[in-house]
Amino acid sequence: MRLIFEGQAITDVTGDVRFAGQYDDAGQPLIVICRVKKEALIARCQLVDPTPAELLAAYRSVSSEVNMLAAAQYAGGIIKPIVALSDLAKTAA
């Protein structure tokens, strides 16, 4: 199942960024809520005490990478993918 990421992202109370992927299941669109950890964005984008707007901008700057990781997690059976610092560190290396 290939996820398509076209929606908006938001920050939650923890500072993590939530975003949604969508796929079509036999004509029925299904939404998959995903998350990228605040710590992962801070480390990957070299942020210092970021605001929610800065976290969203950081997500947008690495969204293709984060979305790919979330889609891989979902394909592997994780219903609510969470991209963590260790996931982003693997792709940055």
Protein backbone atom coordinates (compact mmCIF):
# COMPACT_ATOMS: atom_id res chain seq x y z
CA MET A 1 0.00 0.00 0.00
CA ARG A 2 1.52 3.24 -1.15
CA LEU A 3 0.85 6.24 1.07
CA ILE A 4 0.32 9.65 -0.51
CA PHE A 5 1.19 12.69 1.61
CA GLU A 6 -0.71 15.78 0.51
CA GLY A 7 -2.25 17.23 3.66
CA GLN A 8 -1.17 19.78 6.17
CA ALA A 9 1.02 19.09 9.17
CA ILE A 10 0.46 20.34 12.71
CA THR A 11 2.43 20.36 15.94
CA ASP A 12 0.94 18.69 18.98
CA VAL A 13 1.32 19.56 22.67
CA THR A 14 4.62 17.64 22.88
CA GLY A 15 6.08 19.56 19.94
CA ASP A 16 6.01 16.52 17.67
CA VAL A 17 4.75 17.14 14.14
CA ARG A 18 1.73 15.13 13.03
CA PHE A 19 0.92 14.59 9.38
CA ALA A 20 -1.32 12.27 7.42
CA GLY A 21 -0.82 9.83 4.62
CA GLN A 22 -3.62 8.48 2.51
CA TYR A 23 -4.08 5.38 0.43
CA ASP A 24 -6.92 3.96 -1.59
CA ASP A 25 -8.23 0.60 -0.40
CA ALA A 26 -10.49 -0.71 -3.18
CA GLY A 27 -12.05 2.70 -3.82
CA GLN A 28 -12.19 3.62 -0.14
CA PRO A 29 -9.68 6.34 0.84
CA LEU A 30 -8.09 5.61 4.21
CA ILE A 31 -6.11 8.08 6.32
CA VAL A 32 -2.97 7.10 8.25
CA ILE A 33 -1.88 9.51 11.00
CA CYS A 34 1.90 9.73 11.28
CA ARG A 35 4.26 11.61 13.57
CA VAL A 36 7.84 12.81 13.53
CA LYS A 37 9.42 13.38 16.93
CA LYS A 38 10.43 16.92 17.88
CA GLU A 39 13.88 15.69 18.91
CA ALA A 40 14.43 14.19 15.47
CA LEU A 41 13.64 17.49 13.74
CA ILE A 42 15.80 19.46 16.18
CA ALA A 43 18.80 17.22 15.57
CA ARG A 44 18.33 16.78 11.82
CA CYS A 45 17.76 20.49 11.14
CA GLN A 46 20.12 21.80 13.84
CA LEU A 47 17.49 23.83 15.66
CA VAL A 48 17.81 25.50 19.05
CA ASP A 49 14.64 25.85 21.16
CA PRO A 50 12.35 25.96 18.09
CA THR A 51 8.87 27.44 18.01
CA PRO A 52 5.99 25.38 16.62
CA ALA A 53 6.27 27.32 13.34
CA GLU A 54 9.98 26.50 13.13
CA LEU A 55 9.25 22.81 13.74
CA LEU A 56 6.71 22.83 10.92
CA ALA A 57 9.22 24.53 8.62
CA ALA A 58 11.82 21.92 9.61
CA TYR A 59 9.36 19.13 8.80
CA ARG A 60 8.64 20.66 5.40
CA SER A 61 12.37 20.88 4.68
CA VAL A 62 12.85 17.13 5.27
CA SER A 63 9.32 15.94 4.51
CA SER A 64 10.29 13.74 1.57
CA GLU A 65 12.68 11.81 3.82
CA VAL A 66 10.27 11.69 6.79
CA ASN A 67 7.34 10.68 4.60
CA MET A 68 9.39 7.87 3.04
CA LEU A 69 10.31 6.56 6.50
CA ALA A 70 6.69 6.75 7.71
CA ALA A 71 5.48 4.95 4.59
CA ALA A 72 8.06 2.19 5.12
CA GLN A 73 6.95 1.76 8.74
CA TYR A 74 3.32 1.53 7.64
CA ALA A 75 4.19 -1.00 4.93
CA GLY A 76 5.96 -2.99 7.65
CA GLY A 77 2.77 -3.19 9.71
CA ILE A 78 3.01 -0.17 12.01
CA ILE A 79 -0.46 1.34 12.06
CA LYS A 80 0.58 4.76 13.43
CA PRO A 81 4.13 5.42 12.17
CA ILE A 82 6.44 7.49 14.36
CA VAL A 83 9.68 8.74 12.84
CA ALA A 84 12.30 9.08 15.58
CA LEU A 85 15.79 10.51 15.78
CA SER A 86 17.33 7.08 15.18
CA ASP A 87 15.34 6.74 11.91
CA LEU A 88 16.50 10.09 10.56
CA ALA A 89 20.07 9.48 11.68
CA LYS A 90 20.21 6.33 9.53
CA THR A 91 19.20 8.21 6.38
CA ALA A 92 21.49 11.18 7.07
CA ALA A 93 24.56 8.95 7.42
